[in-house]
Structure formats: C-alpha cells, structure tokens
C-alpha cells in the first residue's frame, strides 16, 4: 500500500495538541531541581527555561517552511534526506528508532508508573515483581510496558482513536497545569519570593543543604549547558507533528501553524510553572526535592496533604497523553524509511485501518525493552547532544534547499529568515561545544550510537542494489 492511503483527518487543533501533548510529559514536574542545583538562583532557573523556549520556538518557525515544502509522512527524516543525502537522513532515522523515540517512550511510560505508585503503592519501583537473576523487574516497569502496549494497540486501530486520546488528554493537562499555576500564585508567599529573588542573577552551584559555590566565567557557561539537558528533554518531541503530515488536513498551512502555537503555549506554561515554584518554595527546597519531584513538594504547600495525590493524577494524565502522541507519530518515520528501502520492508505497509501497524508494534517492542533495561534515563541524557545536532543540521538545510530548489513552491517561509535560523544554529552549536568540554559523558555515547548507523546503512543499500539486479 502506498502513502496515498493515509487519510488526512487531523485538523489544526488536533495537530497543535500533538505538538503540545508530545512536549509535556514528566520533565516540567522534575527537572527544575537539577537545574537549580546547577545554576543556583531564581533568575537563572527562569533564564534556562527561557533560552530553551526561545530555541524551541525558533526551530519550530523554521520547520514550518520545511513542512510546507515536503508535506508528507516522515518529517525530519525527509528534510535531512532532501537537503543533504540519504545517508544523513538514515542516520537520523536510525538514532530516532534506536534511542531518541523508543527510549523517550520508555522514560515517559515509567514516569507514569512511578506516579501511579503514589495512589497504588504496590506498583512502586522499589518492589520486585520478577527476579530473573541478572535482571530484576519492578511492578512499575511491568505497568509501563502495559501502557506502551495499550497505546500502541489503540493507535493500530486508526488515526481517529489516537487523535481522540491526544486531544482529550492534552486539553486536560493544559487546564490542569494552568490550575496549578493559578492556585500556586494564590498561595504566593512574599517572604519566600523576596528571599528567592533578592540575588536572582548570581550564577552558582547549590546543594539542598543551602551551601553554594561560585563558578569561573567559563565554568558558568558549562553549568548553563548542563542545566539545559533537562529543559531540552522536557521541551523535545515538538517536531513529532511533522512525521504525520500525510494525515493532516491542509498540511502546508496547519503543520507550521501548529508548530508555532504548540511550542508557544508550552513555553509560556513552563515559564509560569517555574515562577510558581519560586513563589512557594525556597530555592533549597527546589534543589533538594525528594527524588527531584519539585511539583509534588510545591503542591503539598499549595494544596496541603492532598497535593501529592493531585500532582500524581496530573502527571499520570500528562505522561499518558504525551506517550500517545510520541507513539502515534514515531511509526510514520519508520514507514517512510521502509519505503526508501532503509528499514524493515513490512514497516512500509499500512494495515486495514490505514496506519503503519507493523511499524507501531516494532517500535513497541524496542520501547518495552528499554523499559526493562532501566537505562533509558542515562541514554536520554547522552542523546540530547545528538538531538540538538540533528536540529541544527535540519535548520541549516533550509539554506541548502533554497539553493537546490529555488523554484519549489513555498506556501510558508521561515519566519525571521535568515536571522532566526542562524541564531538557533549558533545557540545549538554553543550548547554542543560546552557539553563536549564540561559533560563529555553526555556526548560521545550518543555520537557512537549515531555513527553505528553508517555500516548499517551501507549493508542495507548494498542489499537493495542486489535485489534490483
């Protein structure tokens, strides 16, 4: 079956909910603790989220041109292939399948399970459900696998099923987050606010006991880059909507618009949520929140004893909807790669519900394996370098494609071109260089995973040549 069998059923609202819903998982509820330990002040906590938000919106505005130029399934994989060559596109697709998408699905599913344990303690990650000798499996991991399998099954039933879950859960979590922000600001504590913002721009290392240590200027830049690993993870997956272009009505208009609206909404929510944290919690409590669960600590102040339950339910809703969007979108990349002869052939087929069922189940298997491994968190830290690297390459592709295809119809052109795309590339390059210098452990594993795709690519292309002969 060909790509023309995809049915364009998603409206602008649906596409925007996929952008926002895929971005908001568990990160906003957790990573501010680590950011605060790295930067040590309220001003820089907000600045890290602002820098990440600016980069995300800038990238989204740039991707709008590419999505209008290539309004078909595959998104970023297609953009890289067209701008550079099939190898670069494949290396993205390989990294996407092996870690970026599947490990993210695992991480989000386990986060769902961990917070479900607040309501049903028997599901705790601290318990052992199965002891297989070399591998112990917790109830949380089993629940995470069940969630991945359930959402995969729902999405094999057709795009309408996935769309209904995505729109419903994303609207619910947006309203929930706005509610948290509103009640948080009503619980505003002037003495804590004054304490947190009295020395707002002192960039320093902070530990939960309250002690701080200053940085050299160069080390301070490294601290900001290390902090952004968490905020970038929390803001990632915004590009998932480009993977399902074949199922969006009027994709030339609606993909670019949904990218802008979705990333803008999430950036505003992230900023306000962190301002709320600083309005009710001293910085030491943000930095030292138990298991980094800042939102739980803040909610206990805002809502009292019921706060833990409220946040647990919010995160369950958030992560469930987030994973639905990621699972729905990811399989379309493997579908397009299979059509190019660069993935399992059956992944390039649509089932009776006009969705890539085989690709969905293959993604499910790998994501479940990452859930069992327990290594998804470290991998996502390691892959952030690669993710930003591919974003830079893709945005640079706009300049290349304007030269290669000057007469191609462009119903939408990148806003702020060439200034904003160049700013993104400079910021992304700075982030990557600082990680190489200060956090090399966050860089070389991701690079190795990506480069492993080179021999795989040549094996696949040589087999394809043999088959054609």
Protein backbone atom coordinates (compact mmCIF):
# COMPACT_ATOMS: atom_id res chain seq x y z
CA UNK A 1 0.00 0.00 0.00
CA UNK A 2 1.29 3.49 -0.74
CA UNK A 3 1.49 6.65 1.28
CA UNK A 4 -1.57 7.94 -0.56
CA UNK A 5 -3.63 5.57 1.62
CA UNK A 6 -3.04 7.81 4.62
CA UNK A 7 -6.26 9.66 5.37
CA UNK A 8 -5.93 13.40 6.16
CA UNK A 9 -8.26 13.63 9.18
CA UNK A 10 -6.34 15.85 11.65
CA UNK A 11 -7.38 19.49 11.99
CA UNK A 12 -5.30 22.42 13.26
CA UNK A 13 -6.49 21.82 16.84
CA UNK A 14 -5.54 18.15 16.64
CA UNK A 15 -2.11 18.98 15.22
CA UNK A 16 -1.50 21.63 17.90
CA UNK A 17 -2.49 19.14 20.61
CA UNK A 18 0.02 16.66 19.19
CA UNK A 19 2.78 19.30 19.41
CA UNK A 20 1.89 20.42 22.95
CA UNK A 21 0.92 16.96 24.18
CA UNK A 22 4.13 15.34 22.94
CA UNK A 23 6.22 18.02 24.65
CA UNK A 24 4.59 17.96 28.09
CA UNK A 25 5.43 14.71 29.85
CA UNK A 26 7.03 14.44 33.27
CA UNK A 27 10.02 16.78 32.80
CA UNK A 28 8.39 20.03 33.90
CA UNK A 29 7.46 18.37 37.20
CA UNK A 30 11.01 17.14 37.93
CA UNK A 31 13.98 18.68 36.12
CA UNK A 32 13.85 22.11 37.78
CA UNK A 33 15.55 20.53 40.82
CA UNK A 34 18.66 19.65 38.84
CA UNK A 35 18.61 22.98 37.02
CA UNK A 36 18.51 24.81 40.36
CA UNK A 37 21.44 22.79 41.67
CA UNK A 38 23.42 23.78 38.58
CA UNK A 39 22.58 27.49 38.37
CA UNK A 40 21.73 28.23 42.00
CA UNK A 41 19.38 31.21 41.54
CA UNK A 42 15.81 32.02 40.52
CA UNK A 43 16.78 34.32 37.68
CA UNK A 44 18.97 31.73 36.04
CA UNK A 45 16.40 28.98 36.63
CA UNK A 46 13.90 31.00 34.60
CA UNK A 47 16.61 32.02 32.10
CA UNK A 48 17.42 28.36 31.31
CA UNK A 49 13.75 27.71 30.51
CA UNK A 50 13.53 30.96 28.53
CA UNK A 51 16.61 30.12 26.44
CA UNK A 52 15.24 26.63 25.75
CA UNK A 53 11.82 28.06 24.88
CA UNK A 54 13.34 30.60 22.50
CA UNK A 55 15.36 27.88 20.78
CA UNK A 56 12.31 25.61 20.52
CA UNK A 57 10.02 28.28 19.06
CA UNK A 58 12.75 29.44 16.67
CA UNK A 59 13.28 25.88 15.45
CA UNK A 60 9.53 25.35 15.11
CA UNK A 61 9.19 28.51 12.97
CA UNK A 62 12.00 27.25 10.76
CA UNK A 63 10.48 23.77 10.42
CA UNK A 64 7.30 25.39 9.15
CA UNK A 65 8.99 26.10 5.82
CA UNK A 66 10.27 22.54 5.52
CA UNK A 67 6.89 21.04 6.38
CA UNK A 68 5.24 23.17 3.71
CA UNK A 69 7.90 22.17 1.18
CA UNK A 70 7.59 18.43 1.97
CA UNK A 71 4.06 17.87 3.33
CA UNK A 72 4.34 14.10 3.65
CA UNK A 73 4.97 11.44 6.29
CA UNK A 74 8.48 11.20 7.69
CA UNK A 75 9.12 14.81 8.72
CA UNK A 76 12.69 15.45 9.80
CA UNK A 77 13.97 12.27 8.15
CA UNK A 78 12.66 13.55 4.81
CA UNK A 79 14.03 17.06 5.33
CA UNK A 80 17.54 15.77 6.03
CA UNK A 81 17.46 13.35 3.12
CA UNK A 82 16.35 16.07 0.71
CA UNK A 83 18.73 18.74 1.99
CA UNK A 84 21.83 16.51 2.24
CA UNK A 85 21.69 12.90 1.12
CA UNK A 86 20.03 9.58 2.07
CA UNK A 87 22.86 8.69 4.50
CA UNK A 88 22.27 11.75 6.69
CA UNK A 89 18.54 11.07 6.65
CA UNK A 90 19.16 7.44 7.61
CA UNK A 91 21.50 8.36 10.49
CA UNK A 92 18.72 10.47 11.93
CA UNK A 93 16.16 7.72 11.40
CA UNK A 94 18.49 5.12 12.92
CA UNK A 95 19.18 7.30 16.01
CA UNK A 96 15.48 8.09 16.23
CA UNK A 97 14.46 4.42 16.26
CA UNK A 98 17.30 3.03 18.36
CA UNK A 99 17.20 5.61 21.16
CA UNK A 100 15.59 9.03 20.64
CA UNK A 101 11.96 7.91 20.22
CA UNK A 102 11.93 4.47 21.80
CA UNK A 103 13.88 5.46 24.94
CA UNK A 104 11.66 8.52 25.33
CA UNK A 105 8.57 6.31 25.16
CA UNK A 106 10.11 4.10 27.85
CA UNK A 107 11.05 7.04 30.10
CA UNK A 108 7.60 8.60 29.87
CA UNK A 109 5.84 5.26 30.50
CA UNK A 110 7.97 4.55 33.58
CA UNK A 111 7.25 8.09 34.86
CA UNK A 112 3.52 7.28 34.52
CA UNK A 113 4.05 4.11 36.56
CA UNK A 114 6.16 5.81 39.23
CA UNK A 115 3.47 8.38 39.95
CA UNK A 116 0.71 5.76 39.80
CA UNK A 117 2.53 4.25 42.78
CA UNK A 118 1.55 7.31 44.85
CA UNK A 119 -2.05 6.07 44.53
CA UNK A 120 -1.32 2.33 44.48
CA UNK A 121 1.91 1.75 46.46
CA UNK A 122 2.08 -1.88 45.36
CA UNK A 123 3.27 -0.59 41.95
CA UNK A 124 6.35 1.06 43.45
CA UNK A 125 9.64 0.82 41.58
CA UNK A 126 11.21 -0.22 44.89
CA UNK A 127 9.38 -3.55 44.85
CA UNK A 128 10.44 -6.60 42.87
CA UNK A 129 7.81 -8.33 40.74
CA UNK A 130 10.16 -10.74 38.94
CA UNK A 131 13.70 -11.77 39.80
CA UNK A 132 15.39 -13.24 36.74
CA UNK A 133 18.86 -13.35 38.22
CA UNK A 134 20.74 -10.85 36.08
CA UNK A 135 17.58 -8.78 35.71
CA UNK A 136 15.04 -7.75 38.33
CA UNK A 137 11.73 -6.30 37.16
CA UNK A 138 9.63 -3.96 39.27
CA UNK A 139 5.84 -3.56 39.14
CA UNK A 140 6.45 -0.04 37.78
CA UNK A 141 8.30 -1.49 34.78
CA UNK A 142 5.50 -4.01 34.15
CA UNK A 143 2.89 -1.23 34.26
CA UNK A 144 5.00 0.90 31.90
CA UNK A 145 5.08 -1.97 29.41
CA UNK A 146 1.32 -2.43 29.73
CA UNK A 147 0.78 1.27 28.98
CA UNK A 148 3.07 1.14 25.91
CA UNK A 149 1.29 -1.95 24.58
CA UNK A 150 -2.17 -0.46 25.24
CA UNK A 151 -1.39 2.83 23.47
CA UNK A 152 0.25 1.00 20.59
CA UNK A 153 -2.85 -1.20 20.18
CA UNK A 154 -5.16 1.84 20.27
CA UNK A 155 -3.10 3.55 17.58
CA UNK A 156 -3.18 0.47 15.34
CA UNK A 157 -6.97 0.86 15.31
CA UNK A 158 -6.70 4.02 13.24
CA UNK A 159 -5.74 7.68 13.44
CA UNK A 160 -9.12 8.71 14.89
CA UNK A 161 -8.56 6.64 18.04
CA UNK A 162 -5.16 8.20 18.65
CA UNK A 163 -6.50 11.67 17.82
CA UNK A 164 -9.30 11.40 20.40
CA UNK A 165 -6.91 10.38 23.20
CA UNK A 166 -4.38 13.04 22.24
CA UNK A 167 -6.78 15.96 22.09
CA UNK A 168 -8.68 14.94 25.23
CA UNK A 169 -5.64 14.28 27.40
CA UNK A 170 -3.68 17.30 26.17
CA UNK A 171 -6.54 19.73 26.82
CA UNK A 172 -6.98 18.15 30.27
CA UNK A 173 -3.32 18.52 31.22
CA UNK A 174 -3.12 22.07 29.87
CA UNK A 175 -6.08 23.04 32.03
CA UNK A 176 -4.55 21.16 34.99
CA UNK A 177 -1.24 22.99 34.63
CA UNK A 178 -2.98 26.34 34.37
CA UNK A 179 -4.89 25.35 37.52
CA UNK A 180 -1.63 24.52 39.32
CA UNK A 181 -0.19 27.88 38.26
CA UNK A 182 -3.32 29.78 39.34
CA UNK A 183 -3.57 28.13 42.78
CA UNK A 184 0.19 28.42 43.18
CA UNK A 185 0.07 32.16 42.62
CA UNK A 186 -2.86 32.41 45.04
CA UNK A 187 -0.65 30.63 47.61
CA UNK A 188 2.09 33.20 46.90
CA UNK A 189 4.46 33.62 49.87
CA UNK A 190 6.02 37.12 49.82
CA UNK A 191 8.87 36.22 52.19
CA UNK A 192 9.92 33.22 50.05
CA UNK A 193 9.60 35.23 46.84
CA UNK A 194 11.77 38.02 48.26
CA UNK A 195 14.34 35.53 49.51
CA UNK A 196 14.49 33.70 46.16
CA UNK A 197 14.70 36.85 44.04
CA UNK A 198 16.91 39.03 46.24
CA UNK A 199 20.03 37.74 44.50
CA UNK A 200 18.38 36.40 41.37
CA UNK A 201 21.30 36.58 38.94
CA UNK A 202 24.10 35.04 40.96
CA UNK A 203 25.13 32.00 38.91
CA UNK A 204 26.42 29.39 41.36
CA UNK A 205 26.30 25.75 42.31
CA UNK A 206 23.73 24.97 45.01
CA UNK A 207 23.07 21.89 47.12
CA UNK A 208 19.96 21.16 49.15
CA UNK A 209 21.63 22.00 52.45
CA UNK A 210 21.80 25.60 51.29
CA UNK A 211 25.52 25.90 50.68
CA UNK A 212 26.67 27.41 47.39
CA UNK A 213 29.91 27.72 45.47
CA UNK A 214 30.75 30.17 42.72
CA UNK A 215 31.86 29.37 39.17
CA UNK A 216 34.55 30.80 36.95
CA UNK A 217 33.02 32.54 33.94
CA UNK A 218 33.81 29.61 31.65
CA UNK A 219 32.52 27.01 34.11
CA UNK A 220 29.33 29.04 34.49
CA UNK A 221 28.62 28.59 30.79
CA UNK A 222 29.14 24.86 31.25
CA UNK A 223 26.66 24.86 34.13
CA UNK A 224 24.03 26.52 31.94
CA UNK A 225 24.63 23.95 29.18
CA UNK A 226 24.37 21.07 31.69
CA UNK A 227 21.12 22.58 33.02
CA UNK A 228 19.67 22.73 29.53
CA UNK A 229 19.93 18.96 29.10
CA UNK A 230 16.86 18.71 31.35
CA UNK A 231 14.93 21.60 29.86
CA UNK A 232 15.63 20.43 26.30
CA UNK A 233 14.42 16.92 27.17
CA UNK A 234 11.26 18.48 28.66
CA UNK A 235 10.72 20.57 25.52
CA UNK A 236 11.59 17.92 22.95
CA UNK A 237 9.28 15.93 20.66
CA UNK A 238 7.65 19.14 19.39
CA UNK A 239 8.59 18.03 15.86
CA UNK A 240 6.50 14.85 16.09
CA UNK A 241 3.66 16.50 14.19
CA UNK A 242 5.86 16.72 11.07
CA UNK A 243 6.05 12.91 10.97
CA UNK A 244 2.31 12.59 10.36
CA UNK A 245 1.99 15.23 7.65
CA UNK A 246 0.16 12.76 5.39
CA UNK A 247 -2.73 12.65 7.87
CA UNK A 248 -3.15 16.40 8.46
CA UNK A 249 -5.68 18.49 6.57
CA UNK A 250 -4.09 21.34 4.60
CA UNK A 251 -0.58 20.39 5.84
CA UNK A 252 1.16 23.31 4.10
CA UNK A 253 -0.68 25.68 6.45
CA UNK A 254 -1.57 23.66 9.52
CA UNK A 255 1.76 21.99 10.30
CA UNK A 256 3.70 25.24 10.52
CA UNK A 257 0.92 26.96 12.46
CA UNK A 258 0.54 24.05 14.88
CA UNK A 259 4.31 24.01 15.48
CA UNK A 260 4.27 27.69 16.41
CA UNK A 261 1.11 27.56 18.55
CA UNK A 262 2.06 24.34 20.35
CA UNK A 263 5.61 25.40 21.23
CA UNK A 264 4.46 28.88 22.29
CA UNK A 265 1.75 27.50 24.59
CA UNK A 266 4.15 25.04 26.22
CA UNK A 267 6.92 27.63 26.64
CA UNK A 268 4.52 30.00 28.42
CA UNK A 269 3.27 27.19 30.68
CA UNK A 270 6.82 26.10 31.53
CA UNK A 271 7.86 29.63 32.42
CA UNK A 272 4.80 30.23 34.60
CA UNK A 273 5.17 26.85 36.33
CA UNK A 274 8.75 27.64 37.34
CA UNK A 275 7.76 31.11 38.52
CA UNK A 276 5.13 29.34 40.65
CA UNK A 277 7.79 27.08 42.15
CA UNK A 278 9.83 30.11 43.20
CA UNK A 279 6.71 31.75 44.67
CA UNK A 280 6.01 28.94 47.16
CA UNK A 281 9.32 27.09 47.74
CA UNK A 282 12.75 28.31 48.90
CA UNK A 283 15.48 27.52 46.38
CA UNK A 284 17.00 24.98 48.75
CA UNK A 285 13.74 23.01 48.73
CA UNK A 286 13.53 23.17 44.94
CA UNK A 287 17.11 21.89 44.67
CA UNK A 288 16.59 19.24 47.34
CA UNK A 289 13.11 17.98 46.47
CA UNK A 290 12.77 14.26 47.21
CA UNK A 291 13.69 12.28 44.07
CA UNK A 292 13.72 15.69 42.29
CA UNK A 293 9.89 15.77 42.37
CA UNK A 294 9.60 19.55 42.70
CA UNK A 295 5.94 19.65 41.67
CA UNK A 296 5.00 17.25 44.47
CA UNK A 297 6.78 19.40 47.07
CA UNK A 298 5.19 22.59 45.68
CA UNK A 299 1.74 21.01 45.52
CA UNK A 300 1.95 19.97 49.17
CA UNK A 301 2.46 23.65 50.03
CA UNK A 302 -0.33 24.79 47.68
CA UNK A 303 -2.97 22.13 48.38
CA UNK A 304 -1.87 20.64 51.70
CA UNK A 305 -1.89 16.85 52.25
CA UNK A 306 -3.97 16.33 49.08
CA UNK A 307 -1.18 17.90 46.99
CA UNK A 308 0.67 14.63 46.41
CA UNK A 309 -2.44 12.94 45.06
CA UNK A 310 -3.30 15.93 42.85
CA UNK A 311 0.16 16.02 41.25
CA UNK A 312 0.24 12.24 40.86
CA UNK A 313 -3.01 12.34 38.89
CA UNK A 314 -1.80 15.32 36.85
CA UNK A 315 1.42 13.53 35.90
CA UNK A 316 -0.46 10.33 35.05
CA UNK A 317 -2.68 12.31 32.68
CA UNK A 318 0.30 14.22 31.31
CA UNK A 319 2.52 11.20 30.63
CA UNK A 320 -0.30 9.06 29.22
CA UNK A 321 -1.22 11.75 26.69
CA UNK A 322 2.44 12.51 25.96
CA UNK A 323 3.22 8.89 25.14
CA UNK A 324 0.18 8.60 22.91
CA UNK A 325 1.46 11.44 20.73
CA UNK A 326 5.01 10.06 20.60
CA UNK A 327 3.85 6.51 19.77
CA UNK A 328 1.41 7.77 17.14
CA UNK A 329 3.99 9.90 15.34
CA UNK A 330 7.15 7.80 15.55
CA UNK A 331 5.92 4.91 13.42
CA UNK A 332 5.42 7.23 10.43
CA UNK A 333 9.20 7.80 10.26
CA UNK A 334 9.91 4.06 10.04
CA UNK A 335 7.16 3.76 7.43
CA UNK A 336 8.86 6.34 5.19
CA UNK A 337 12.31 4.80 5.74
CA UNK A 338 10.93 1.39 4.75
CA UNK A 339 9.52 2.92 1.58
CA UNK A 340 13.06 4.07 0.79
CA UNK A 341 14.39 0.56 1.40
CA UNK A 342 16.18 1.63 4.61
CA UNK A 343 14.09 -0.23 7.18
CA UNK A 344 12.20 -3.49 7.55
CA UNK A 345 10.08 -3.83 4.43
CA UNK A 346 6.85 -4.62 6.30
CA UNK A 347 7.17 -1.36 8.23
CA UNK A 348 6.32 0.33 4.93
CA UNK A 349 2.85 -1.22 4.81
CA UNK A 350 -0.40 0.19 6.16
CA UNK A 351 -2.90 -2.07 7.89
CA UNK A 352 -6.64 -2.20 7.26
CA UNK A 353 -7.07 0.94 9.39
CA UNK A 354 -4.70 2.93 7.16
CA UNK A 355 -1.93 3.18 9.77
CA UNK A 356 1.56 1.56 9.82
CA UNK A 357 0.63 -1.27 12.20
CA UNK A 358 3.85 -3.28 11.80
CA UNK A 359 6.00 -0.19 12.44
CA UNK A 360 3.93 0.61 15.54
CA UNK A 361 4.46 -2.86 17.01
CA UNK A 362 8.18 -2.85 16.19
CA UNK A 363 8.52 0.49 17.99
CA UNK A 364 6.55 -1.01 20.88
CA UNK A 365 8.95 -3.94 21.25
CA UNK A 366 12.03 -1.70 21.40
CA UNK A 367 10.40 0.74 23.83
CA UNK A 368 9.38 -2.13 26.13
CA UNK A 369 12.97 -3.43 26.02
CA UNK A 370 14.25 -0.02 27.13
CA UNK A 371 11.67 -0.04 29.95
CA UNK A 372 13.05 -3.36 31.18
CA UNK A 373 16.67 -2.22 30.88
CA UNK A 374 16.24 0.74 33.23
CA UNK A 375 18.90 2.59 31.18
CA UNK A 376 16.59 4.96 29.30
CA UNK A 377 17.31 7.93 31.61
CA UNK A 378 21.07 7.83 31.08
CA UNK A 379 20.57 7.32 27.35
CA UNK A 380 18.33 10.35 27.06
CA UNK A 381 20.98 12.47 28.77
CA UNK A 382 23.55 11.11 26.35
CA UNK A 383 21.40 11.63 23.27
CA UNK A 384 20.49 15.30 23.92
CA UNK A 385 23.72 16.27 22.17
CA UNK A 386 22.71 14.30 19.08
CA UNK A 387 19.14 15.62 19.13
CA UNK A 388 20.30 19.24 19.05
CA UNK A 389 22.90 18.34 16.42
CA UNK A 390 20.21 17.00 14.09
CA UNK A 391 18.03 20.05 14.75
CA UNK A 392 20.94 22.28 13.68
CA UNK A 393 21.53 20.22 10.54
CA UNK A 394 17.84 20.36 9.67
CA UNK A 395 17.59 24.12 10.11
CA UNK A 396 20.80 24.61 8.10
CA UNK A 397 19.01 22.54 5.46
CA UNK A 398 16.69 25.49 4.82
CA UNK A 399 19.64 27.45 3.39
CA UNK A 400 20.72 24.44 1.30
CA UNK A 401 17.23 23.76 -0.07
CA UNK A 402 16.72 27.40 -1.03
CA UNK A 403 19.77 26.99 -3.28
CA UNK A 404 18.97 23.46 -4.50
CA UNK A 405 15.25 24.08 -5.08
CA UNK A 406 14.89 27.83 -5.60
CA UNK A 407 11.69 27.49 -7.63
CA UNK A 408 9.93 24.96 -5.41
CA UNK A 409 6.60 26.25 -4.07
CA UNK A 410 6.94 27.57 -0.53
CA UNK A 411 3.48 28.48 0.79
CA UNK A 412 5.15 29.27 4.11
CA UNK A 413 8.65 30.67 4.57
CA UNK A 414 10.71 30.51 7.77
CA UNK A 415 9.85 33.50 9.96
CA UNK A 416 12.85 35.75 10.59
CA UNK A 417 14.96 34.09 7.86
CA UNK A 418 17.94 34.18 7.79
CA UNK A 419 18.46 35.79 11.23
CA UNK A 420 16.46 33.44 13.48
CA UNK A 421 17.74 30.21 11.87
CA UNK A 422 21.33 31.48 12.22
CA UNK A 423 20.73 32.41 15.87
CA UNK A 424 19.41 28.91 16.55
CA UNK A 425 22.43 27.30 14.90
CA UNK A 426 24.83 29.48 16.92
CA UNK A 427 23.00 28.69 20.18
CA UNK A 428 22.80 24.99 19.39
CA UNK A 429 26.48 24.86 18.46
CA UNK A 430 27.41 26.65 21.70
CA UNK A 431 25.34 24.14 23.70
CA UNK A 432 27.04 21.18 22.00
CA UNK A 433 30.57 22.58 22.38
CA UNK A 434 30.02 23.31 26.07
CA UNK A 435 28.73 19.79 26.63
CA UNK A 436 31.81 18.36 24.91
CA UNK A 437 34.03 20.40 27.25
CA UNK A 438 32.14 20.06 30.55
CA UNK A 439 29.93 16.98 30.19
CA UNK A 440 31.68 14.67 27.71
CA UNK A 441 29.74 11.71 29.10
CA UNK A 442 26.62 13.35 27.61
CA UNK A 443 28.16 13.46 24.13
CA UNK A 444 30.28 10.52 22.98
CA UNK A 445 27.75 7.72 23.71
CA UNK A 446 25.16 9.44 21.54
CA UNK A 447 27.73 10.03 18.81
CA UNK A 448 28.72 6.34 18.87
CA UNK A 449 25.08 5.23 18.58
CA UNK A 450 24.59 7.56 15.61
CA UNK A 451 27.83 6.54 13.85
CA UNK A 452 26.93 2.85 14.22
CA UNK A 453 24.27 3.63 11.65
CA UNK A 454 26.90 4.16 8.92
CA UNK A 455 27.82 0.47 8.39
CA UNK A 456 24.14 -0.48 8.78
CA UNK A 457 23.25 1.98 6.01
CA UNK A 458 25.78 0.51 3.60
CA UNK A 459 24.64 -3.04 4.37
CA UNK A 460 21.03 -2.05 3.65
CA UNK A 461 21.86 -0.17 0.44
CA UNK A 462 24.08 -3.00 -0.86
CA UNK A 463 21.25 -5.49 -0.30
CA UNK A 464 18.87 -3.19 -2.14
CA UNK A 465 21.24 -3.00 -5.11
CA UNK A 466 21.50 -6.79 -5.20
CA UNK A 467 17.70 -7.12 -5.12
CA UNK A 468 17.34 -4.66 -8.01
CA UNK A 469 19.84 -6.66 -10.06
